């Protein structure tokens, strides 16, 4: 199973956190949750599919940490193809 992190980097403020947000995705929800836990993300922050992908949003520093832990960096433009091939939820 592979965990991916895209390069969306959307500027946004979420609560008290202002940053550039990207998406952490995978093909298996439990593996995604386990990886997110290693990053220090709360399960409550998981976003089930609502027109997009099942994912966690991550700020740039967390994106870099995810890559250091083994997440594969991909372009946000690659996500539809990964989903069509069943490589992400």
PDB file of N, CA and C in Angstrom:
ATOM      1  N   UNK A   1       0.845  -1.166   0.000  1.00  0.00           N
ATOM      2  CA  UNK A   1       0.000   0.000   0.000  1.00  0.00           C
ATOM      3  C   UNK A   1       0.890   1.227   0.000  1.00  0.00           C
ATOM      4  N   UNK A   2       0.495   2.194  -0.786  1.00  0.00           N
ATOM      5  CA  UNK A   2       1.255   3.428  -0.890  1.00  0.00           C
ATOM      6  C   UNK A   2       0.418   4.594  -0.391  1.00  0.00           C
ATOM      7  N   UNK A   3       1.056   5.473   0.347  1.00  0.00           N
ATOM      8  CA  UNK A   3       0.441   6.723   0.764  1.00  0.00           C
ATOM      9  C   UNK A   3       1.024   7.810  -0.134  1.00  0.00           C
ATOM     10  N   UNK A   4       0.160   8.662  -0.625  1.00  0.00           N
ATOM     11  CA  UNK A   4       0.576   9.751  -1.503  1.00  0.00           C
ATOM     12  C   UNK A   4       0.257  11.087  -0.841  1.00  0.00           C
ATOM     13  N   UNK A   5       1.035  12.109  -1.188  1.00  0.00           N
ATOM     14  CA  UNK A   5       0.730  13.462  -0.758  1.00  0.00           C
ATOM     15  C   UNK A   5       0.876  14.359  -1.988  1.00  0.00           C
ATOM     16  N   UNK A   6      -0.171  15.121  -2.273  1.00  0.00           N
ATOM     17  CA  UNK A   6      -0.138  15.936  -3.485  1.00  0.00           C
ATOM     18  C   UNK A   6       0.497  17.300  -3.240  1.00  0.00           C
ATOM     19  N   UNK A   7       0.600  18.059  -4.307  1.00  0.00           N
ATOM     20  CA  UNK A   7       1.231  19.378  -4.254  1.00  0.00           C
ATOM     21  C   UNK A   7       0.209  20.498  -4.459  1.00  0.00           C
ATOM     22  N   UNK A   8      -0.997  20.290  -3.968  1.00  0.00           N
ATOM     23  CA  UNK A   8      -2.066  21.268  -4.149  1.00  0.00           C
ATOM     24  C   UNK A   8      -1.687  22.622  -3.553  1.00  0.00           C
ATOM     25  N   UNK A   9      -1.285  22.621  -2.302  1.00  0.00           N
ATOM     26  CA  UNK A   9      -0.805  23.814  -1.594  1.00  0.00           C
ATOM     27  C   UNK A   9      -1.779  24.996  -1.660  1.00  0.00           C
ATOM     28  N   UNK A  10      -3.034  24.714  -1.404  1.00  0.00           N
ATOM     29  CA  UNK A  10      -4.083  25.743  -1.402  1.00  0.00           C
ATOM     30  C   UNK A  10      -3.949  26.622  -0.170  1.00  0.00           C
ATOM     31  N   UNK A  11      -3.876  27.920  -0.377  1.00  0.00           N
ATOM     32  CA  UNK A  11      -3.841  28.836   0.774  1.00  0.00           C
ATOM     33  C   UNK A  11      -5.206  28.828   1.449  1.00  0.00           C
ATOM     34  N   UNK A  12      -5.191  28.646   2.756  1.00  0.00           N
ATOM     35  CA  UNK A  12      -6.453  28.648   3.502  1.00  0.00           C
ATOM     36  C   UNK A  12      -6.164  28.805   4.984  1.00  0.00           C
ATOM     37  N   UNK A  13      -7.194  29.220   5.679  1.00  0.00           N
ATOM     38  CA  UNK A  13      -7.144  29.263   7.137  1.00  0.00           C
ATOM     39  C   UNK A  13      -8.165  28.257   7.644  1.00  0.00           C
ATOM     40  N   UNK A  14      -7.715  27.342   8.453  1.00  0.00           N
ATOM     41  CA  UNK A  14      -8.581  26.334   9.053  1.00  0.00           C
ATOM     42  C   UNK A  14      -8.447  26.495  10.563  1.00  0.00           C
ATOM     43  N   UNK A  15      -9.508  26.991  11.183  1.00  0.00           N
ATOM     44  CA  UNK A  15      -9.414  27.303  12.607  1.00  0.00           C
ATOM     45  C   UNK A  15      -8.372  28.377  12.815  1.00  0.00           C
ATOM     46  N   UNK A  16      -7.405  28.070  13.668  1.00  0.00           N
ATOM     47  CA  UNK A  16      -6.322  29.018  13.935  1.00  0.00           C
ATOM     48  C   UNK A  16      -5.115  28.813  13.023  1.00  0.00           C
ATOM     49  N   UNK A  17      -5.188  27.811  12.158  1.00  0.00           N
ATOM     50  CA  UNK A  17      -4.030  27.478  11.320  1.00  0.00           C
ATOM     51  C   UNK A  17      -4.190  28.072   9.928  1.00  0.00           C
ATOM     52  N   UNK A  18      -3.252  28.901   9.577  1.00  0.00           N
ATOM     53  CA  UNK A  18      -3.203  29.479   8.236  1.00  0.00           C
ATOM     54  C   UNK A  18      -2.012  28.852   7.532  1.00  0.00           C
ATOM     55  N   UNK A  19      -2.229  28.367   6.326  1.00  0.00           N
ATOM     56  CA  UNK A  19      -1.119  27.745   5.609  1.00  0.00           C
ATOM     57  C   UNK A  19      -1.505  27.365   4.207  1.00  0.00           C
ATOM     58  N   UNK A  20      -0.638  26.602   3.603  1.00  0.00           N
ATOM     59  CA  UNK A  20      -0.886  26.022   2.276  1.00  0.00           C
ATOM     60  C   UNK A  20      -1.185  24.541   2.495  1.00  0.00           C
ATOM     61  N   UNK A  21      -2.363  24.147   2.081  1.00  0.00           N
ATOM     62  CA  UNK A  21      -2.870  22.812   2.387  1.00  0.00           C
ATOM     63  C   UNK A  21      -2.791  21.891   1.177  1.00  0.00           C
ATOM     64  N   UNK A  22      -2.398  20.656   1.438  1.00  0.00           N
ATOM     65  CA  UNK A  22      -2.338  19.594   0.432  1.00  0.00           C
ATOM     66  C   UNK A  22      -3.116  18.395   0.963  1.00  0.00           C
ATOM     67  N   UNK A  23      -3.174  17.317   0.176  1.00  0.00           N
ATOM     68  CA  UNK A  23      -3.973  16.145   0.514  1.00  0.00           C
ATOM     69  C   UNK A  23      -3.099  14.916   0.722  1.00  0.00           C
ATOM     70  N   UNK A  24      -3.349  14.197   1.799  1.00  0.00           N
ATOM     71  CA  UNK A  24      -2.712  12.922   2.088  1.00  0.00           C
ATOM     72  C   UNK A  24      -3.735  11.842   1.768  1.00  0.00           C
ATOM     73  N   UNK A  25      -3.413  10.952   0.818  1.00  0.00           N
ATOM     74  CA  UNK A  25      -4.364   9.948   0.337  1.00  0.00           C
ATOM     75  C   UNK A  25      -3.697   8.574   0.263  1.00  0.00           C
ATOM     76  N   UNK A  26      -4.517   7.526   0.152  1.00  0.00           N
ATOM     77  CA  UNK A  26      -4.006   6.158   0.017  1.00  0.00           C
ATOM     78  C   UNK A  26      -5.109   5.273  -0.553  1.00  0.00           C
ATOM     79  N   UNK A  27      -4.763   4.028  -0.832  1.00  0.00           N
ATOM     80  CA  UNK A  27      -5.737   3.082  -1.384  1.00  0.00           C
ATOM     81  C   UNK A  27      -6.516   2.342  -0.313  1.00  0.00           C
ATOM     82  N   UNK A  28      -6.063   2.426   0.919  1.00  0.00           N
ATOM     83  CA  UNK A  28      -6.688   1.694   2.014  1.00  0.00           C
ATOM     84  C   UNK A  28      -6.893   2.644   3.186  1.00  0.00           C
ATOM     85  N   UNK A  29      -8.127   2.763   3.645  1.00  0.00           N
ATOM     86  CA  UNK A  29      -8.447   3.726   4.705  1.00  0.00           C
ATOM     87  C   UNK A  29      -7.693   3.429   5.994  1.00  0.00           C
ATOM     88  N   UNK A  30      -7.596   2.178   6.397  1.00  0.00           N
ATOM     89  CA  UNK A  30      -6.908   1.864   7.657  1.00  0.00           C
ATOM     90  C   UNK A  30      -5.425   2.180   7.574  1.00  0.00           C
ATOM     91  N   UNK A  31      -4.805   1.908   6.443  1.00  0.00           N
ATOM     92  CA  UNK A  31      -3.393   2.255   6.268  1.00  0.00           C
ATOM     93  C   UNK A  31      -3.212   3.775   6.256  1.00  0.00           C
ATOM     94  N   UNK A  32      -4.154   4.474   5.648  1.00  0.00           N
ATOM     95  CA  UNK A  32      -4.103   5.937   5.646  1.00  0.00           C
ATOM     96  C   UNK A  32      -4.203   6.472   7.073  1.00  0.00           C
ATOM     97  N   UNK A  33      -5.132   5.909   7.853  1.00  0.00           N
ATOM     98  CA  UNK A  33      -5.287   6.340   9.243  1.00  0.00           C
ATOM     99  C   UNK A  33      -4.012   6.052  10.052  1.00  0.00           C
ATOM    100  N   UNK A  34      -3.412   4.895   9.826  1.00  0.00           N
ATOM    101  CA  UNK A  34      -2.192   4.538  10.556  1.00  0.00           C
ATOM    102  C   UNK A  34      -1.056   5.505  10.204  1.00  0.00           C
ATOM    103  N   UNK A  35      -0.937   5.839   8.937  1.00  0.00           N
ATOM    104  CA  UNK A  35       0.110   6.769   8.520  1.00  0.00           C
ATOM    105  C   UNK A  35      -0.158   8.154   9.104  1.00  0.00           C
ATOM    106  N   UNK A  36      -1.409   8.580   9.055  1.00  0.00           N
ATOM    107  CA  UNK A  36      -1.782   9.885   9.606  1.00  0.00           C
ATOM    108  C   UNK A  36      -1.462   9.948  11.099  1.00  0.00           C
ATOM    109  N   UNK A  37      -1.704   8.858  11.818  1.00  0.00           N
ATOM    110  CA  UNK A  37      -1.383   8.808  13.237  1.00  0.00           C
ATOM    111  C   UNK A  37       0.115   8.992  13.464  1.00  0.00           C
ATOM    112  N   UNK A  38       0.930   8.352  12.625  1.00  0.00           N
ATOM    113  CA  UNK A  38       2.388   8.529  12.716  1.00  0.00           C
ATOM    114  C   UNK A  38       2.788   9.986  12.505  1.00  0.00           C
ATOM    115  N   UNK A  39       2.018  10.693  11.695  1.00  0.00           N
ATOM    116  CA  UNK A  39       2.282  12.122  11.450  1.00  0.00           C
ATOM    117  C   UNK A  39       1.776  13.013  12.574  1.00  0.00           C
ATOM    118  N   UNK A  40       0.944  12.444  13.441  1.00  0.00           N
ATOM    119  CA  UNK A  40       0.376  13.232  14.530  1.00  0.00           C
ATOM    120  C   UNK A  40      -0.965  13.854  14.192  1.00  0.00           C
ATOM    121  N   UNK A  41      -1.603  13.353  13.147  1.00  0.00           N
ATOM    122  CA  UNK A  41      -2.921  13.863  12.765  1.00  0.00           C
ATOM    123  C   UNK A  41      -4.008  13.153  13.554  1.00  0.00           C
ATOM    124  N   UNK A  42      -5.055  13.848  13.868  1.00  0.00           N
ATOM    125  CA  UNK A  42      -6.190  13.270  14.590  1.00  0.00           C
ATOM    126  C   UNK A  42      -7.155  12.610  13.613  1.00  0.00           C
ATOM    127  N   UNK A  43      -7.718  11.499  14.029  1.00  0.00           N
ATOM    128  CA  UNK A  43      -8.678  10.782  13.187  1.00  0.00           C
ATOM    129  C   UNK A  43      -9.878  11.672  12.847  1.00  0.00           C
ATOM    130  N   UNK A  44     -10.231  12.565  13.751  1.00  0.00           N
ATOM    131  CA  UNK A  44     -11.359  13.477  13.527  1.00  0.00           C
ATOM    132  C   UNK A  44     -11.122  14.395  12.331  1.00  0.00           C
ATOM    133  N   UNK A  45      -9.876  14.550  11.919  1.00  0.00           N
ATOM    134  CA  UNK A  45      -9.557  15.422  10.784  1.00  0.00           C
ATOM    135  C   UNK A  45      -9.703  14.719   9.439  1.00  0.00           C
ATOM    136  N   UNK A  46      -9.960  13.411   9.465  1.00  0.00           N
ATOM    137  CA  UNK A  46     -10.155  12.644   8.237  1.00  0.00           C
ATOM    138  C   UNK A  46     -11.361  13.178   7.489  1.00  0.00           C
ATOM    139  N   UNK A  47     -11.231  13.279   6.180  1.00  0.00           N
ATOM    140  CA  UNK A  47     -12.328  13.764   5.349  1.00  0.00           C
ATOM    141  C   UNK A  47     -12.772  12.650   4.400  1.00  0.00           C
ATOM    142  N   UNK A  48     -13.904  12.031   4.720  1.00  0.00           N
ATOM    143  CA  UNK A  48     -14.415  10.999   3.819  1.00  0.00           C
ATOM    144  C   UNK A  48     -14.790  11.619   2.486  1.00  0.00           C
ATOM    145  N   UNK A  49     -14.863  10.802   1.498  1.00  0.00           N
ATOM    146  CA  UNK A  49     -15.143  11.303   0.145  1.00  0.00           C
ATOM    147  C   UNK A  49     -16.452  12.071   0.119  1.00  0.00           C
ATOM    148  N   UNK A  50     -16.372  13.276  -0.347  1.00  0.00           N
ATOM    149  CA  UNK A  50     -17.564  14.100  -0.548  1.00  0.00           C
ATOM    150  C   UNK A  50     -17.382  14.851  -1.858  1.00  0.00           C
ATOM    151  N   UNK A  51     -17.262  14.073  -2.915  1.00  0.00           N
ATOM    152  CA  UNK A  51     -17.035  14.661  -4.219  1.00  0.00           C
ATOM    153  C   UNK A  51     -15.566  14.659  -4.616  1.00  0.00           C
ATOM    154  N   UNK A  52     -14.673  14.362  -3.662  1.00  0.00           N
ATOM    155  CA  UNK A  52     -13.251  14.316  -3.988  1.00  0.00           C
ATOM    156  C   UNK A  52     -12.681  12.970  -3.578  1.00  0.00           C
ATOM    157  N   UNK A  53     -11.675  12.992  -2.737  1.00  0.00           N
ATOM    158  CA  UNK A  53     -10.988  11.781  -2.316  1.00  0.00           C
ATOM    159  C   UNK A  53     -11.054  11.672  -0.802  1.00  0.00           C
ATOM    160  N   UNK A  54     -10.991  10.447  -0.302  1.00  0.00           N
ATOM    161  CA  UNK A  54     -10.861  10.281   1.136  1.00  0.00           C
ATOM    162  C   UNK A  54      -9.452  10.731   1.472  1.00  0.00           C
ATOM    163  N   UNK A  55      -9.337  11.681   2.390  1.00  0.00           N
ATOM    164  CA  UNK A  55      -8.023  12.264   2.619  1.00  0.00           C
ATOM    165  C   UNK A  55      -7.928  12.976   3.961  1.00  0.00           C
ATOM    166  N   UNK A  56      -6.710  13.314   4.291  1.00  0.00           N
ATOM    167  CA  UNK A  56      -6.410  14.253   5.359  1.00  0.00           C
ATOM    168  C   UNK A  56      -5.792  15.470   4.690  1.00  0.00           C
ATOM    169  N   UNK A  57      -6.131  16.649   5.157  1.00  0.00           N
ATOM    170  CA  UNK A  57      -5.464  17.858   4.710  1.00  0.00           C
ATOM    171  C   UNK A  57      -4.215  18.043   5.556  1.00  0.00           C
ATOM    172  N   UNK A  58      -3.129  18.447   4.913  1.00  0.00           N
ATOM    173  CA  UNK A  58      -1.874  18.685   5.619  1.00  0.00           C
ATOM    174  C   UNK A  58      -1.263  20.002   5.171  1.00  0.00           C
ATOM    175  N   UNK A  59      -0.681  20.731   6.119  1.00  0.00           N
ATOM    176  CA  UNK A  59       0.042  21.956   5.776  1.00  0.00           C
ATOM    177  C   UNK A  59       1.413  21.567   5.229  1.00  0.00           C
ATOM    178  N   UNK A  60       2.103  22.546   4.648  1.00  0.00           N
ATOM    179  CA  UNK A  60       3.368  22.262   3.963  1.00  0.00           C
ATOM    180  C   UNK A  60       4.401  21.574   4.857  1.00  0.00           C
ATOM    181  N   UNK A  61       4.544  22.003   6.102  1.00  0.00           N
ATOM    182  CA  UNK A  61       5.523  21.347   6.970  1.00  0.00           C
ATOM    183  C   UNK A  61       5.160  19.881   7.205  1.00  0.00           C
ATOM    184  N   UNK A  62       3.870  19.581   7.338  1.00  0.00           N
ATOM    185  CA  UNK A  62       3.423  18.200   7.525  1.00  0.00           C
ATOM    186  C   UNK A  62       3.570  17.419   6.215  1.00  0.00           C
ATOM    187  N   UNK A  63       3.387  18.078   5.094  1.00  0.00           N
ATOM    188  CA  UNK A  63       3.599  17.442   3.789  1.00  0.00           C
ATOM    189  C   UNK A  63       5.050  16.983   3.677  1.00  0.00           C
ATOM    190  N   UNK A  64       5.979  17.840   4.049  1.00  0.00           N
ATOM    191  CA  UNK A  64       7.392  17.485   3.984  1.00  0.00           C
ATOM    192  C   UNK A  64       7.724  16.342   4.948  1.00  0.00           C
ATOM    193  N   UNK A  65       7.118  16.357   6.108  1.00  0.00           N
ATOM    194  CA  UNK A  65       7.332  15.276   7.082  1.00  0.00           C
ATOM    195  C   UNK A  65       6.767  13.956   6.548  1.00  0.00           C
ATOM    196  N   UNK A  66       5.596  14.024   5.888  1.00  0.00           N
ATOM    197  CA  UNK A  66       4.999  12.817   5.300  1.00  0.00           C
ATOM    198  C   UNK A  66       5.932  12.215   4.249  1.00  0.00           C
ATOM    199  N   UNK A  67       6.523  13.066   3.432  1.00  0.00           N
ATOM    200  CA  UNK A  67       7.470  12.580   2.419  1.00  0.00           C
ATOM    201  C   UNK A  67       8.671  11.926   3.095  1.00  0.00           C
ATOM    202  N   UNK A  68       9.164  12.543   4.151  1.00  0.00           N
ATOM    203  CA  UNK A  68      10.301  11.972   4.883  1.00  0.00           C
ATOM    204  C   UNK A  68       9.958  10.604   5.471  1.00  0.00           C
ATOM    205  N   UNK A  69       8.676  10.400   5.820  1.00  0.00           N
ATOM    206  CA  UNK A  69       8.238   9.114   6.384  1.00  0.00           C
ATOM    207  C   UNK A  69       7.864   8.091   5.314  1.00  0.00           C
ATOM    208  N   UNK A  70       7.965   8.489   4.031  1.00  0.00           N
ATOM    209  CA  UNK A  70       7.727   7.519   2.963  1.00  0.00           C
ATOM    210  C   UNK A  70       6.550   7.792   2.051  1.00  0.00           C
ATOM    211  N   UNK A  71       5.790   8.850   2.288  1.00  0.00           N
ATOM    212  CA  UNK A  71       4.700   9.173   1.370  1.00  0.00           C
ATOM    213  C   UNK A  71       5.287   9.568   0.013  1.00  0.00           C
ATOM    214  N   UNK A  72       4.611   9.196  -1.032  1.00  0.00           N
ATOM    215  CA  UNK A  72       5.076   9.488  -2.383  1.00  0.00           C
ATOM    216  C   UNK A  72       4.488  10.826  -2.827  1.00  0.00           C
ATOM    217  N   UNK A  73       5.341  11.801  -3.174  1.00  0.00           N
ATOM    218  CA  UNK A  73       4.817  13.077  -3.650  1.00  0.00           C
ATOM    219  C   UNK A  73       4.287  12.943  -5.075  1.00  0.00           C
ATOM    220  N   UNK A  74       3.101  13.484  -5.306  1.00  0.00           N
ATOM    221  CA  UNK A  74       2.491  13.462  -6.640  1.00  0.00           C
ATOM    222  C   UNK A  74       1.879  14.828  -6.928  1.00  0.00           C
ATOM    223  N   UNK A  75       1.662  15.080  -8.192  1.00  0.00           N
ATOM    224  CA  UNK A  75       0.954  16.292  -8.584  1.00  0.00           C
ATOM    225  C   UNK A  75      -0.535  16.107  -8.290  1.00  0.00           C
ATOM    226  N   UNK A  76      -1.206  17.183  -7.916  1.00  0.00           N
ATOM    227  CA  UNK A  76      -2.653  17.103  -7.700  1.00  0.00           C
ATOM    228  C   UNK A  76      -3.349  16.707  -8.995  1.00  0.00           C
ATOM    229  N   UNK A  77      -2.707  16.970 -10.116  1.00  0.00           N
ATOM    230  CA  UNK A  77      -3.283  16.598 -11.420  1.00  0.00           C
ATOM    231  C   UNK A  77      -3.288  15.087 -11.639  1.00  0.00           C
ATOM    232  N   UNK A  78      -2.468  14.357 -10.883  1.00  0.00           N
ATOM    233  CA  UNK A  78      -2.392  12.904 -11.016  1.00  0.00           C
ATOM    234  C   UNK A  78      -3.462  12.172 -10.207  1.00  0.00           C
ATOM    235  N   UNK A  79      -4.123  12.859  -9.283  1.00  0.00           N
ATOM    236  CA  UNK A  79      -5.087  12.183  -8.404  1.00  0.00           C
ATOM    237  C   UNK A  79      -6.238  11.513  -9.151  1.00  0.00           C
ATOM    238  N   UNK A  80      -6.846  12.146 -10.162  1.00  0.00           N
ATOM    239  CA  UNK A  80      -7.932  11.441 -10.865  1.00  0.00           C
ATOM    240  C   UNK A  80      -7.483  10.120 -11.487  1.00  0.00           C
ATOM    241  N   UNK A  81      -6.303  10.091 -12.075  1.00  0.00           N
ATOM    242  CA  UNK A  81      -5.800   8.854 -12.663  1.00  0.00           C
ATOM    243  C   UNK A  81      -5.527   7.794 -11.614  1.00  0.00           C
ATOM    244  N   UNK A  82      -4.973   8.208 -10.474  1.00  0.00           N
ATOM    245  CA  UNK A  82      -4.733   7.263  -9.383  1.00  0.00           C
ATOM    246  C   UNK A  82      -6.051   6.682  -8.883  1.00  0.00           C
ATOM    247  N   UNK A  83      -7.065   7.512  -8.815  1.00  0.00           N
ATOM    248  CA  UNK A  83      -8.370   7.027  -8.353  1.00  0.00           C
ATOM    249  C   UNK A  83      -8.987   6.076  -9.364  1.00  0.00           C
ATOM    250  N   UNK A  84      -8.898   6.397 -10.631  1.00  0.00           N
ATOM    251  CA  UNK A  84      -9.444   5.517 -11.675  1.00  0.00           C
ATOM    252  C   UNK A  84      -8.782   4.154 -11.659  1.00  0.00           C
ATOM    253  N   UNK A  85      -7.513   4.111 -11.354  1.00  0.00           N
ATOM    254  CA  UNK A  85      -6.787   2.841 -11.298  1.00  0.00           C
ATOM    255  C   UNK A  85      -6.926   2.132  -9.963  1.00  0.00           C
ATOM    256  N   UNK A  86      -7.679   2.726  -9.032  1.00  0.00           N
ATOM    257  CA  UNK A  86      -7.895   2.108  -7.726  1.00  0.00           C
ATOM    258  C   UNK A  86      -6.715   2.244  -6.781  1.00  0.00           C
ATOM    259  N   UNK A  87      -5.801   3.164  -7.096  1.00  0.00           N
ATOM    260  CA  UNK A  87      -4.629   3.345  -6.243  1.00  0.00           C
ATOM    261  C   UNK A  87      -4.907   4.261  -5.054  1.00  0.00           C
ATOM    262  N   UNK A  88      -6.004   4.997  -5.093  1.00  0.00           N
ATOM    263  CA  UNK A  88      -6.438   5.782  -3.952  1.00  0.00           C
ATOM    264  C   UNK A  88      -7.943   5.653  -3.820  1.00  0.00           C
ATOM    265  N   UNK A  89      -8.426   5.937  -2.620  1.00  0.00           N
ATOM    266  CA  UNK A  89      -9.871   5.876  -2.331  1.00  0.00           C
ATOM    267  C   UNK A  89     -10.563   7.117  -2.873  1.00  0.00           C
TER     268      UNK A  89
END
